[in-house]
PDB file of all heavy atoms in Angstrom:
ATOM      1  N   VAL A   1      -5.791   2.240 -23.614  1.00  0.00           N
ATOM      2  CA  VAL A   1      -6.537   1.094 -23.082  1.00  0.00           C
ATOM      3  C   VAL A   1      -5.653  -0.156 -23.089  1.00  0.00           C
ATOM      4  O   VAL A   1      -5.677  -0.947 -22.141  1.00  0.00           O
ATOM      5  CB  VAL A   1      -7.853   0.873 -23.868  1.00  0.00           C
ATOM      6  CG1 VAL A   1      -8.502  -0.453 -23.495  1.00  0.00           C
ATOM      7  CG2 VAL A   1      -8.820   2.032 -23.620  1.00  0.00           C
ATOM      8  N   GLN A   2      -4.839  -0.329 -24.133  1.00  0.00           N
ATOM      9  CA  GLN A   2      -3.929  -1.474 -24.206  1.00  0.00           C
ATOM     10  C   GLN A   2      -2.857  -1.418 -23.122  1.00  0.00           C
ATOM     11  O   GLN A   2      -2.388  -2.458 -22.660  1.00  0.00           O
ATOM     12  CB  GLN A   2      -3.253  -1.532 -25.579  1.00  0.00           C
ATOM     13  CG  GLN A   2      -4.165  -1.888 -26.716  1.00  0.00           C
ATOM     14  CD  GLN A   2      -3.459  -1.754 -28.065  1.00  0.00           C
ATOM     15  OE1 GLN A   2      -2.255  -1.535 -28.144  1.00  0.00           O
ATOM     16  NE2 GLN A   2      -4.226  -1.893 -29.138  1.00  0.00           N
ATOM     17  N   MET A   3      -2.449  -0.216 -22.727  1.00  0.00           N
ATOM     18  CA  MET A   3      -1.411  -0.064 -21.703  1.00  0.00           C
ATOM     19  C   MET A   3      -1.941  -0.253 -20.283  1.00  0.00           C
ATOM     20  O   MET A   3      -1.167  -0.586 -19.381  1.00  0.00           O
ATOM     21  CB  MET A   3      -0.785   1.330 -21.800  1.00  0.00           C
ATOM     22  CG  MET A   3       0.132   1.528 -22.962  1.00  0.00           C
ATOM     23  SD  MET A   3       1.013   3.092 -22.726  1.00  0.00           S
ATOM     24  CE  MET A   3       0.801   3.845 -24.309  1.00  0.00           C
ATOM     25  N   LEU A   4      -3.222  -0.058 -20.077  1.00  0.00           N
ATOM     26  CA  LEU A   4      -3.773  -0.097 -18.716  1.00  0.00           C
ATOM     27  C   LEU A   4      -3.498  -1.401 -17.974  1.00  0.00           C
ATOM     28  O   LEU A   4      -3.186  -1.361 -16.772  1.00  0.00           O
ATOM     29  CB  LEU A   4      -5.270   0.216 -18.730  1.00  0.00           C
ATOM     30  CG  LEU A   4      -5.633   1.655 -19.041  1.00  0.00           C
ATOM     31  CD1 LEU A   4      -7.157   1.824 -19.083  1.00  0.00           C
ATOM     32  CD2 LEU A   4      -5.008   2.621 -18.041  1.00  0.00           C
ATOM     33  N   PRO A   5      -3.580  -2.580 -18.609  1.00  0.00           N
ATOM     34  CA  PRO A   5      -3.291  -3.804 -17.860  1.00  0.00           C
ATOM     35  C   PRO A   5      -1.850  -3.896 -17.353  1.00  0.00           C
ATOM     36  O   PRO A   5      -1.541  -4.751 -16.525  1.00  0.00           O
ATOM     37  CB  PRO A   5      -3.590  -4.922 -18.869  1.00  0.00           C
ATOM     38  CG  PRO A   5      -4.577  -4.328 -19.808  1.00  0.00           C
ATOM     39  CD  PRO A   5      -4.152  -2.884 -19.932  1.00  0.00           C
ATOM     40  N   ILE A   6      -0.981  -3.038 -17.835  1.00  0.00           N
ATOM     41  CA  ILE A   6       0.384  -2.974 -17.310  1.00  0.00           C
ATOM     42  C   ILE A   6       0.509  -1.818 -16.318  1.00  0.00           C
ATOM     43  O   ILE A   6       1.083  -1.965 -15.236  1.00  0.00           O
ATOM     44  CB  ILE A   6       1.415  -2.815 -18.451  1.00  0.00           C
ATOM     45  CG1 ILE A   6       1.340  -4.020 -19.386  1.00  0.00           C
ATOM     46  CG2 ILE A   6       2.832  -2.657 -17.897  1.00  0.00           C
ATOM     47  CD1 ILE A   6       2.107  -3.859 -20.677  1.00  0.00           C
ATOM     48  N   LEU A   7      -0.051  -0.666 -16.679  1.00  0.00           N
ATOM     49  CA  LEU A   7       0.094   0.524 -15.837  1.00  0.00           C
ATOM     50  C   LEU A   7      -0.585   0.380 -14.478  1.00  0.00           C
ATOM     51  O   LEU A   7      -0.028   0.769 -13.453  1.00  0.00           O
ATOM     52  CB  LEU A   7      -0.448   1.760 -16.565  1.00  0.00           C
ATOM     53  CG  LEU A   7       0.354   2.222 -17.773  1.00  0.00           C
ATOM     54  CD1 LEU A   7      -0.369   3.357 -18.484  1.00  0.00           C
ATOM     55  CD2 LEU A   7       1.756   2.644 -17.359  1.00  0.00           C
ATOM     56  N   VAL A   8      -1.789  -0.169 -14.458  1.00  0.00           N
ATOM     57  CA  VAL A   8      -2.514  -0.286 -13.184  1.00  0.00           C
ATOM     58  C   VAL A   8      -1.767  -1.206 -12.215  1.00  0.00           C
ATOM     59  O   VAL A   8      -1.535  -0.821 -11.054  1.00  0.00           O
ATOM     60  CB  VAL A   8      -3.984  -0.708 -13.405  1.00  0.00           C
ATOM     61  CG1 VAL A   8      -4.671  -1.053 -12.083  1.00  0.00           C
ATOM     62  CG2 VAL A   8      -4.754   0.406 -14.129  1.00  0.00           C
ATOM     63  N   PRO A   9      -1.337  -2.413 -12.621  1.00  0.00           N
ATOM     64  CA  PRO A   9      -0.565  -3.244 -11.681  1.00  0.00           C
ATOM     65  C   PRO A   9       0.743  -2.584 -11.219  1.00  0.00           C
ATOM     66  O   PRO A   9       1.164  -2.785 -10.079  1.00  0.00           O
ATOM     67  CB  PRO A   9      -0.281  -4.523 -12.469  1.00  0.00           C
ATOM     68  CG  PRO A   9      -1.391  -4.603 -13.455  1.00  0.00           C
ATOM     69  CD  PRO A   9      -1.669  -3.172 -13.835  1.00  0.00           C
ATOM     70  N   VAL A  10       1.373  -1.780 -12.093  1.00  0.00           N
ATOM     71  CA  VAL A  10       2.602  -1.092 -11.694  1.00  0.00           C
ATOM     72  C   VAL A  10       2.298  -0.073 -10.589  1.00  0.00           C
ATOM     73  O   VAL A  10       3.030   0.022  -9.603  1.00  0.00           O
ATOM     74  CB  VAL A  10       3.280  -0.418 -12.917  1.00  0.00           C
ATOM     75  CG1 VAL A  10       4.309   0.602 -12.488  1.00  0.00           C
ATOM     76  CG2 VAL A  10       3.924  -1.467 -13.792  1.00  0.00           C
ATOM     77  N   VAL A  11       1.214   0.677 -10.743  1.00  0.00           N
ATOM     78  CA  VAL A  11       0.819   1.629  -9.695  1.00  0.00           C
ATOM     79  C   VAL A  11       0.532   0.862  -8.402  1.00  0.00           C
ATOM     80  O   VAL A  11       0.991   1.248  -7.317  1.00  0.00           O
ATOM     81  CB  VAL A  11      -0.402   2.468 -10.130  1.00  0.00           C
ATOM     82  CG1 VAL A  11      -0.950   3.281  -8.964  1.00  0.00           C
ATOM     83  CG2 VAL A  11      -0.040   3.377 -11.300  1.00  0.00           C
ATOM     84  N   LEU A  12      -0.207  -0.231  -8.510  1.00  0.00           N
ATOM     85  CA  LEU A  12      -0.526  -1.035  -7.323  1.00  0.00           C
ATOM     86  C   LEU A  12       0.734  -1.628  -6.707  1.00  0.00           C
ATOM     87  O   LEU A  12       0.841  -1.737  -5.474  1.00  0.00           O
ATOM     88  CB  LEU A  12      -1.523  -2.141  -7.685  1.00  0.00           C
ATOM     89  CG  LEU A  12      -2.895  -1.666  -8.178  1.00  0.00           C
ATOM     90  CD1 LEU A  12      -3.749  -2.854  -8.597  1.00  0.00           C
ATOM     91  CD2 LEU A  12      -3.601  -0.804  -7.142  1.00  0.00           C
ATOM     92  N   ASN A  13       1.716  -1.991  -7.530  1.00  0.00           N
ATOM     93  CA  ASN A  13       2.985  -2.520  -7.032  1.00  0.00           C
ATOM     94  C   ASN A  13       3.698  -1.474  -6.178  1.00  0.00           C
ATOM     95  O   ASN A  13       4.254  -1.787  -5.119  1.00  0.00           O
ATOM     96  CB  ASN A  13       3.859  -2.960  -8.213  1.00  0.00           C
ATOM     97  CG  ASN A  13       5.035  -3.808  -7.806  1.00  0.00           C
ATOM     98  OD1 ASN A  13       5.233  -4.133  -6.652  1.00  0.00           O
ATOM     99  ND2 ASN A  13       5.851  -4.160  -8.775  1.00  0.00           N
ATOM    100  N   LEU A  14       3.693  -0.249  -6.642  1.00  0.00           N
ATOM    101  CA  LEU A  14       4.310   0.822  -5.872  1.00  0.00           C
ATOM    102  C   LEU A  14       3.580   0.993  -4.536  1.00  0.00           C
ATOM    103  O   LEU A  14       4.207   1.172  -3.492  1.00  0.00           O
ATOM    104  CB  LEU A  14       4.296   2.126  -6.669  1.00  0.00           C
ATOM    105  CG  LEU A  14       5.146   3.258  -6.131  1.00  0.00           C
ATOM    106  CD1 LEU A  14       6.624   2.874  -6.124  1.00  0.00           C
ATOM    107  CD2 LEU A  14       4.948   4.509  -6.963  1.00  0.00           C
ATOM    108  N   LEU A  15       2.256   0.897  -4.569  1.00  0.00           N
ATOM    109  CA  LEU A  15       1.467   1.049  -3.344  1.00  0.00           C
ATOM    110  C   LEU A  15       1.660  -0.124  -2.390  1.00  0.00           C
ATOM    111  O   LEU A  15       1.606   0.045  -1.172  1.00  0.00           O
ATOM    112  CB  LEU A  15      -0.018   1.190  -3.685  1.00  0.00           C
ATOM    113  CG  LEU A  15      -0.370   2.387  -4.555  1.00  0.00           C
ATOM    114  CD1 LEU A  15      -1.855   2.379  -4.870  1.00  0.00           C
ATOM    115  CD2 LEU A  15       0.040   3.695  -3.883  1.00  0.00           C
ATOM    116  N   GLN A  16       1.906  -1.297  -2.928  1.00  0.00           N
ATOM    117  CA  GLN A  16       2.098  -2.480  -2.088  1.00  0.00           C
ATOM    118  C   GLN A  16       3.372  -2.384  -1.257  1.00  0.00           C
ATOM    119  O   GLN A  16       3.516  -3.046  -0.244  1.00  0.00           O
ATOM    120  CB  GLN A  16       2.132  -3.739  -2.948  1.00  0.00           C
ATOM    121  CG  GLN A  16       2.199  -5.008  -2.120  1.00  0.00           C
ATOM    122  CD  GLN A  16       2.521  -6.226  -2.951  1.00  0.00           C
ATOM    123  OE1 GLN A  16       3.164  -6.121  -3.991  1.00  0.00           O
ATOM    124  NE2 GLN A  16       2.091  -7.375  -2.485  1.00  0.00           N
ATOM    125  N   SER A  17       4.284  -1.537  -1.664  1.00  0.00           N
ATOM    126  CA  SER A  17       5.574  -1.438  -0.974  1.00  0.00           C
ATOM    127  C   SER A  17       5.430  -1.135   0.515  1.00  0.00           C
ATOM    128  O   SER A  17       6.307  -1.469   1.295  1.00  0.00           O
ATOM    129  CB  SER A  17       6.469  -0.397  -1.654  1.00  0.00           C
ATOM    130  OG  SER A  17       5.919   0.896  -1.534  1.00  0.00           O
ATOM    131  N   GLY A  18       4.325  -0.543   0.909  1.00  0.00           N
ATOM    132  CA  GLY A  18       4.124  -0.245   2.328  1.00  0.00           C
ATOM    133  C   GLY A  18       3.452  -1.350   3.107  1.00  0.00           C
ATOM    134  O   GLY A  18       3.219  -1.216   4.308  1.00  0.00           O
ATOM    135  N   SER A  19       3.145  -2.469   2.451  1.00  0.00           N
ATOM    136  CA  SER A  19       2.507  -3.597   3.135  1.00  0.00           C
ATOM    137  C   SER A  19       3.482  -4.242   4.103  1.00  0.00           C
ATOM    138  O   SER A  19       4.692  -4.227   3.893  1.00  0.00           O
ATOM    139  CB  SER A  19       2.052  -4.656   2.122  1.00  0.00           C
ATOM    140  OG  SER A  19       1.059  -4.148   1.297  1.00  0.00           O
ATOM    141  N   ARG A  20       2.930  -4.845   5.119  1.00  0.00           N
ATOM    142  CA  ARG A  20       3.764  -5.530   6.103  1.00  0.00           C
ATOM    143  C   ARG A  20       4.285  -6.843   5.525  1.00  0.00           C
ATOM    144  O   ARG A  20       3.598  -7.528   4.798  1.00  0.00           O
ATOM    145  CB  ARG A  20       2.964  -5.815   7.367  1.00  0.00           C
ATOM    146  CG  ARG A  20       2.528  -4.521   8.042  1.00  0.00           C
ATOM    147  CD  ARG A  20       2.238  -4.688   9.495  1.00  0.00           C
ATOM    148  NE  ARG A  20       3.381  -4.966  10.338  1.00  0.00           N
ATOM    149  CZ  ARG A  20       4.338  -4.114  10.659  1.00  0.00           C
ATOM    150  NH1 ARG A  20       4.347  -2.921  10.184  1.00  0.00           N
ATOM    151  NH2 ARG A  20       5.306  -4.462  11.469  1.00  0.00           N
ATOM    152  N   VAL A  21       5.508  -7.176   5.881  1.00  0.00           N
ATOM    153  CA  VAL A  21       6.089  -8.463   5.534  1.00  0.00           C
ATOM    154  C   VAL A  21       5.375  -9.510   6.368  1.00  0.00           C
ATOM    155  O   VAL A  21       5.127  -9.307   7.561  1.00  0.00           O
ATOM    156  CB  VAL A  21       7.612  -8.465   5.836  1.00  0.00           C
ATOM    157  CG1 VAL A  21       8.209  -9.837   5.648  1.00  0.00           C
ATOM    158  CG2 VAL A  21       8.322  -7.430   4.995  1.00  0.00           C
ATOM    159  N   GLN A  22       5.041 -10.634   5.737  1.00  0.00           N
ATOM    160  CA  GLN A  22       4.386 -11.698   6.476  1.00  0.00           C
ATOM    161  C   GLN A  22       5.260 -12.144   7.634  1.00  0.00           C
ATOM    162  O   GLN A  22       6.475 -12.234   7.506  1.00  0.00           O
ATOM    163  CB  GLN A  22       4.103 -12.873   5.550  1.00  0.00           C
ATOM    164  CG  GLN A  22       2.719 -13.381   5.688  1.00  0.00           C
ATOM    165  CD  GLN A  22       2.410 -14.438   4.651  1.00  0.00           C
ATOM    166  OE1 GLN A  22       3.264 -14.906   3.912  1.00  0.00           O
ATOM    167  NE2 GLN A  22       1.164 -14.819   4.606  1.00  0.00           N
ATOM    168  N   ASN A  23       4.668 -12.384   8.777  1.00  0.00           N
ATOM    169  CA  ASN A  23       5.337 -12.818  10.001  1.00  0.00           C
ATOM    170  C   ASN A  23       6.222 -11.743  10.621  1.00  0.00           C
ATOM    171  O   ASN A  23       7.032 -12.034  11.491  1.00  0.00           O
ATOM    172  CB  ASN A  23       6.166 -14.090   9.770  1.00  0.00           C
ATOM    173  CG  ASN A  23       5.313 -15.235   9.297  1.00  0.00           C
ATOM    174  OD1 ASN A  23       4.168 -15.379   9.716  1.00  0.00           O
ATOM    175  ND2 ASN A  23       5.855 -16.042   8.406  1.00  0.00           N
ATOM    176  N   ALA A  24       6.091 -10.495  10.155  1.00  0.00           N
ATOM    177  CA  ALA A  24       6.831  -9.404  10.787  1.00  0.00           C
ATOM    178  C   ALA A  24       6.181  -9.092  12.123  1.00  0.00           C
ATOM    179  O   ALA A  24       4.968  -9.197  12.273  1.00  0.00           O
ATOM    180  CB  ALA A  24       6.827  -8.162   9.905  1.00  0.00           C
ATOM    181  N   PRO A  25       6.982  -8.721  13.124  1.00  0.00           N
ATOM    182  CA  PRO A  25       6.388  -8.366  14.402  1.00  0.00           C
ATOM    183  C   PRO A  25       5.463  -7.161  14.236  1.00  0.00           C
ATOM    184  O   PRO A  25       5.762  -6.229  13.510  1.00  0.00           O
ATOM    185  CB  PRO A  25       7.588  -8.000  15.284  1.00  0.00           C
ATOM    186  CG  PRO A  25       8.794  -8.113  14.426  1.00  0.00           C
ATOM    187  CD  PRO A  25       8.405  -8.582  13.082  1.00  0.00           C
ATOM    188  N   VAL A  26       4.319  -7.233  14.892  1.00  0.00           N
ATOM    189  CA  VAL A  26       3.319  -6.164  14.792  1.00  0.00           C
ATOM    190  C   VAL A  26       3.021  -5.655  16.182  1.00  0.00           C
ATOM    191  O   VAL A  26       2.780  -6.434  17.100  1.00  0.00           O
ATOM    192  CB  VAL A  26       2.021  -6.704  14.136  1.00  0.00           C
ATOM    193  CG1 VAL A  26       0.970  -5.621  14.067  1.00  0.00           C
ATOM    194  CG2 VAL A  26       2.318  -7.266  12.772  1.00  0.00           C
ATOM    195  N   ALA A  27       3.033  -4.344  16.318  1.00  0.00           N
ATOM    196  CA  ALA A  27       2.639  -3.739  17.590  1.00  0.00           C
ATOM    197  C   ALA A  27       1.135  -3.914  17.756  1.00  0.00           C
ATOM    198  O   ALA A  27       0.425  -4.220  16.813  1.00  0.00           O
ATOM    199  CB  ALA A  27       3.025  -2.268  17.608  1.00  0.00           C
ATOM    200  N   ASN A  28       0.654  -3.684  18.944  1.00  0.00           N
ATOM    201  CA  ASN A  28      -0.759  -3.904  19.221  1.00  0.00           C
ATOM    202  C   ASN A  28      -1.681  -2.811  18.694  1.00  0.00           C
ATOM    203  O   ASN A  28      -2.879  -2.940  18.771  1.00  0.00           O
ATOM    204  CB  ASN A  28      -0.982  -4.074  20.730  1.00  0.00           C
ATOM    205  CG  ASN A  28      -0.409  -5.383  21.219  1.00  0.00           C
ATOM    206  OD1 ASN A  28      -0.344  -6.340  20.467  1.00  0.00           O
ATOM    207  ND2 ASN A  28       0.002  -5.412  22.476  1.00  0.00           N
ATOM    208  N   THR A  29      -1.141  -1.740  18.159  1.00  0.00           N
ATOM    209  CA  THR A  29      -2.010  -0.680  17.664  1.00  0.00           C
ATOM    210  C   THR A  29      -2.415  -0.960  16.231  1.00  0.00           C
ATOM    211  O   THR A  29      -1.636  -1.462  15.433  1.00  0.00           O
ATOM    212  CB  THR A  29      -1.310   0.696  17.739  1.00  0.00           C
ATOM    213  OG1 THR A  29      -0.164   0.646  16.891  1.00  0.00           O
ATOM    214  CG2 THR A  29      -0.905   1.034  19.150  1.00  0.00           C
ATOM    215  N   GLN A  30      -3.646  -0.631  15.912  1.00  0.00           N
ATOM    216  CA  GLN A  30      -4.179  -0.909  14.586  1.00  0.00           C
ATOM    217  C   GLN A  30      -3.421  -0.140  13.508  1.00  0.00           C
ATOM    218  O   GLN A  30      -3.264  -0.623  12.397  1.00  0.00           O
ATOM    219  CB  GLN A  30      -5.654  -0.557  14.554  1.00  0.00           C
ATOM    220  CG  GLN A  30      -6.314  -0.982  13.269  1.00  0.00           C
ATOM    221  CD  GLN A  30      -7.789  -1.184  13.455  1.00  0.00           C
ATOM    222  OE1 GLN A  30      -8.302  -1.110  14.549  1.00  0.00           O
ATOM    223  NE2 GLN A  30      -8.476  -1.446  12.369  1.00  0.00           N
ATOM    224  N   THR A  31      -2.945   1.053  13.799  1.00  0.00           N
ATOM    225  CA  THR A  31      -2.274   1.850  12.775  1.00  0.00           C
ATOM    226  C   THR A  31      -0.974   1.207  12.326  1.00  0.00           C
ATOM    227  O   THR A  31      -0.545   1.429  11.206  1.00  0.00           O
ATOM    228  CB  THR A  31      -1.980   3.277  13.273  1.00  0.00           C
ATOM    229  OG1 THR A  31      -1.207   3.206  14.467  1.00  0.00           O
ATOM    230  CG2 THR A  31      -3.267   4.038  13.527  1.00  0.00           C
ATOM    231  N   ASN A  32      -0.341   0.390  13.152  1.00  0.00           N
ATOM    232  CA  ASN A  32       0.905  -0.266  12.752  1.00  0.00           C
ATOM    233  C   ASN A  32       0.664  -1.395  11.756  1.00  0.00           C
ATOM    234  O   ASN A  32       1.599  -1.896  11.160  1.00  0.00           O
ATOM    235  CB  ASN A  32       1.665  -0.788  13.973  1.00  0.00           C
ATOM    236  CG  ASN A  32       2.342   0.335  14.722  1.00  0.00           C
ATOM    237  OD1 ASN A  32       2.557   1.414  14.179  1.00  0.00           O
ATOM    238  ND2 ASN A  32       2.657   0.091  15.972  1.00  0.00           N
ATOM    239  N   ASN A  33      -0.571  -1.820  11.597  1.00  0.00           N
ATOM    240  CA  ASN A  33      -0.906  -2.847  10.622  1.00  0.00           C
ATOM    241  C   ASN A  33      -1.209  -2.243   9.256  1.00  0.00           C
ATOM    242  O   ASN A  33      -1.402  -2.959   8.303  1.00  0.00           O
ATOM    243  CB  ASN A  33      -2.120  -3.652  11.091  1.00  0.00           C
ATOM    244  CG  ASN A  33      -1.789  -4.483  12.300  1.00  0.00           C
ATOM    245  OD1 ASN A  33      -0.685  -4.980  12.434  1.00  0.00           O
ATOM    246  ND2 ASN A  33      -2.749  -4.619  13.196  1.00  0.00           N
ATOM    247  N   ARG A  34      -1.286  -0.944   9.184  1.00  0.00           N
ATOM    248  CA  ARG A  34      -1.702  -0.278   7.953  1.00  0.00           C
ATOM    249  C   ARG A  34      -0.523  -0.084   7.009  1.00  0.00           C
ATOM    250  O   ARG A  34       0.614   0.021   7.421  1.00  0.00           O
ATOM    251  CB  ARG A  34      -2.362   1.052   8.281  1.00  0.00           C
ATOM    252  CG  ARG A  34      -3.673   0.830   9.048  1.00  0.00           C
ATOM    253  CD  ARG A  34      -4.342   2.102   9.370  1.00  0.00           C
ATOM    254  NE  ARG A  34      -4.839   2.783   8.201  1.00  0.00           N
ATOM    255  CZ  ARG A  34      -6.101   2.741   7.787  1.00  0.00           C
ATOM    256  NH1 ARG A  34      -6.976   2.030   8.440  1.00  0.00           N
ATOM    257  NH2 ARG A  34      -6.477   3.421   6.739  1.00  0.00           N
ATOM    258  N   ASN A  35      -0.843  -0.009   5.749  1.00  0.00           N
ATOM    259  CA  ASN A  35       0.123   0.247   4.698  1.00  0.00           C
ATOM    260  C   ASN A  35       0.283   1.760   4.583  1.00  0.00           C
ATOM    261  O   ASN A  35      -0.595   2.450   4.066  1.00  0.00           O
ATOM    262  CB  ASN A  35      -0.396  -0.374   3.397  1.00  0.00           C
ATOM    263  CG  ASN A  35       0.482  -0.105   2.213  1.00  0.00           C
ATOM    264  OD1 ASN A  35       1.211   0.878   2.158  1.00  0.00           O
ATOM    265  ND2 ASN A  35       0.391  -0.974   1.229  1.00  0.00           N
ATOM    266  N   THR A  36       1.404   2.277   5.053  1.00  0.00           N
ATOM    267  CA  THR A  36       1.604   3.732   5.090  1.00  0.00           C
ATOM    268  C   THR A  36       1.677   4.339   3.691  1.00  0.00           C
ATOM    269  O   THR A  36       1.262   5.478   3.482  1.00  0.00           O
ATOM    270  CB  THR A  36       2.889   4.079   5.866  1.00  0.00           C
ATOM    271  OG1 THR A  36       3.993   3.376   5.278  1.00  0.00           O
ATOM    272  CG2 THR A  36       2.760   3.706   7.337  1.00  0.00           C
ATOM    273  N   VAL A  37       2.196   3.583   2.732  1.00  0.00           N
ATOM    274  CA  VAL A  37       2.270   4.085   1.355  1.00  0.00           C
ATOM    275  C   VAL A  37       0.861   4.201   0.782  1.00  0.00           C
ATOM    276  O   VAL A  37       0.504   5.226   0.186  1.00  0.00           O
ATOM    277  CB  VAL A  37       3.170   3.182   0.480  1.00  0.00           C
ATOM    278  CG1 VAL A  37       3.157   3.636  -0.967  1.00  0.00           C
ATOM    279  CG2 VAL A  37       4.596   3.173   1.027  1.00  0.00           C
ATOM    280  N   LEU A  38       0.042   3.181   0.980  1.00  0.00           N
ATOM    281  CA  LEU A  38      -1.345   3.224   0.511  1.00  0.00           C
ATOM    282  C   LEU A  38      -2.109   4.352   1.200  1.00  0.00           C
ATOM    283  O   LEU A  38      -2.843   5.099   0.551  1.00  0.00           O
ATOM    284  CB  LEU A  38      -2.034   1.878   0.740  1.00  0.00           C
ATOM    285  CG  LEU A  38      -3.503   1.793   0.314  1.00  0.00           C
ATOM    286  CD1 LEU A  38      -3.655   2.053  -1.191  1.00  0.00           C
ATOM    287  CD2 LEU A  38      -4.074   0.428   0.690  1.00  0.00           C
ATOM    288  N   ASP A  39      -1.924   4.486   2.512  1.00  0.00           N
ATOM    289  CA  ASP A  39      -2.598   5.566   3.243  1.00  0.00           C
ATOM    290  C   ASP A  39      -2.242   6.927   2.674  1.00  0.00           C
ATOM    291  O   ASP A  39      -3.111   7.779   2.467  1.00  0.00           O
ATOM    292  CB  ASP A  39      -2.219   5.542   4.731  1.00  0.00           C
ATOM    293  CG  ASP A  39      -2.902   4.422   5.492  1.00  0.00           C
ATOM    294  OD1 ASP A  39      -3.854   3.820   4.960  1.00  0.00           O
ATOM    295  OD2 ASP A  39      -2.466   4.145   6.626  1.00  0.00           O
ATOM    296  N   THR A  40      -0.970   7.144   2.408  1.00  0.00           N
ATOM    297  CA  THR A  40      -0.532   8.429   1.855  1.00  0.00           C
ATOM    298  C   THR A  40      -1.114   8.627   0.465  1.00  0.00           C
ATOM    299  O   THR A  40      -1.582   9.713   0.122  1.00  0.00           O
ATOM    300  CB  THR A  40       1.004   8.510   1.814  1.00  0.00           C
ATOM    301  OG1 THR A  40       1.495   8.390   3.147  1.00  0.00           O
ATOM    302  CG2 THR A  40       1.473   9.826   1.222  1.00  0.00           C
ATOM    303  N   PHE A  41      -1.102   7.569  -0.345  1.00  0.00           N
ATOM    304  CA  PHE A  41      -1.642   7.661  -1.699  1.00  0.00           C
ATOM    305  C   PHE A  41      -3.122   7.999  -1.677  1.00  0.00           C
ATOM    306  O   PHE A  41      -3.596   8.810  -2.474  1.00  0.00           O
ATOM    307  CB  PHE A  41      -1.412   6.345  -2.440  1.00  0.00           C
ATOM    308  CG  PHE A  41      -1.887   6.373  -3.867  1.00  0.00           C
ATOM    309  CD1 PHE A  41      -1.206   7.113  -4.825  1.00  0.00           C
ATOM    310  CD2 PHE A  41      -2.997   5.643  -4.259  1.00  0.00           C
ATOM    311  CE1 PHE A  41      -1.632   7.135  -6.150  1.00  0.00           C
ATOM    312  CE2 PHE A  41      -3.424   5.653  -5.582  1.00  0.00           C
ATOM    313  CZ  PHE A  41      -2.741   6.403  -6.520  1.00  0.00           C
ATOM    314  N   LEU A  42      -3.854   7.379  -0.778  1.00  0.00           N
ATOM    315  CA  LEU A  42      -5.278   7.670  -0.687  1.00  0.00           C
ATOM    316  C   LEU A  42      -5.520   9.046  -0.074  1.00  0.00           C
ATOM    317  O   LEU A  42      -6.641   9.524  -0.069  1.00  0.00           O
ATOM    318  CB  LEU A  42      -6.004   6.580   0.105  1.00  0.00           C
ATOM    319  CG  LEU A  42      -6.005   5.205  -0.565  1.00  0.00           C
ATOM    320  CD1 LEU A  42      -6.666   4.175   0.332  1.00  0.00           C
ATOM    321  CD2 LEU A  42      -6.659   5.249  -1.926  1.00  0.00           C
ATOM    322  N   ASP A  43      -4.445   9.663   0.409  1.00  0.00           N
ATOM    323  CA  ASP A  43      -4.447  11.055   0.835  1.00  0.00           C
ATOM    324  C   ASP A  43      -5.525  11.339   1.868  1.00  0.00           C
ATOM    325  O   ASP A  43      -6.498  12.033   1.593  1.00  0.00           O
ATOM    326  CB  ASP A  43      -4.589  11.965  -0.387  1.00  0.00           C
ATOM    327  CG  ASP A  43      -4.161  13.384  -0.101  1.00  0.00           C
ATOM    328  OD1 ASP A  43      -3.399  13.628   0.839  1.00  0.00           O
ATOM    329  OD2 ASP A  43      -4.617  14.260  -0.834  1.00  0.00           O
ATOM    330  N   ALA A  44      -5.294  10.798   3.038  1.00  0.00           N
ATOM    331  CA  ALA A  44      -6.279  10.894   4.101  1.00  0.00           C
ATOM    332  C   ALA A  44      -6.735  12.323   4.387  1.00  0.00           C
ATOM    333  O   ALA A  44      -7.873  12.545   4.758  1.00  0.00           O
ATOM    334  CB  ALA A  44      -5.719  10.259   5.374  1.00  0.00           C
ATOM    335  N   ASN A  45      -5.869  13.320   4.205  1.00  0.00           N
ATOM    336  CA  ASN A  45      -6.295  14.688   4.510  1.00  0.00           C
ATOM    337  C   ASN A  45      -6.982  15.369   3.328  1.00  0.00           C
ATOM    338  O   ASN A  45      -7.421  16.510   3.440  1.00  0.00           O
ATOM    339  CB  ASN A  45      -5.120  15.531   5.023  1.00  0.00           C
ATOM    340  CG  ASN A  45      -4.078  15.807   3.958  1.00  0.00           C
ATOM    341  OD1 ASN A  45      -4.216  15.416   2.805  1.00  0.00           O
ATOM    342  ND2 ASN A  45      -3.019  16.490   4.355  1.00  0.00           N
ATOM    343  N   GLY A  46      -7.048  14.700   2.178  1.00  0.00           N
ATOM    344  CA  GLY A  46      -7.827  15.196   1.067  1.00  0.00           C
ATOM    345  C   GLY A  46      -7.275  16.394   0.333  1.00  0.00           C
ATOM    346  O   GLY A  46      -7.994  17.051  -0.404  1.00  0.00           O
TER     347      GLY A  46
END
């Protein structure tokens, strides 16, 4: 329980790596705005 406040943000930090850089060019498709690392982690195919 004492480690969780460190472990959870570290996991989230790894997941954030797929976020778009602010002001990065974005294609018009919605999927290009998505965080591919988060999508994979959430395991869309189950």
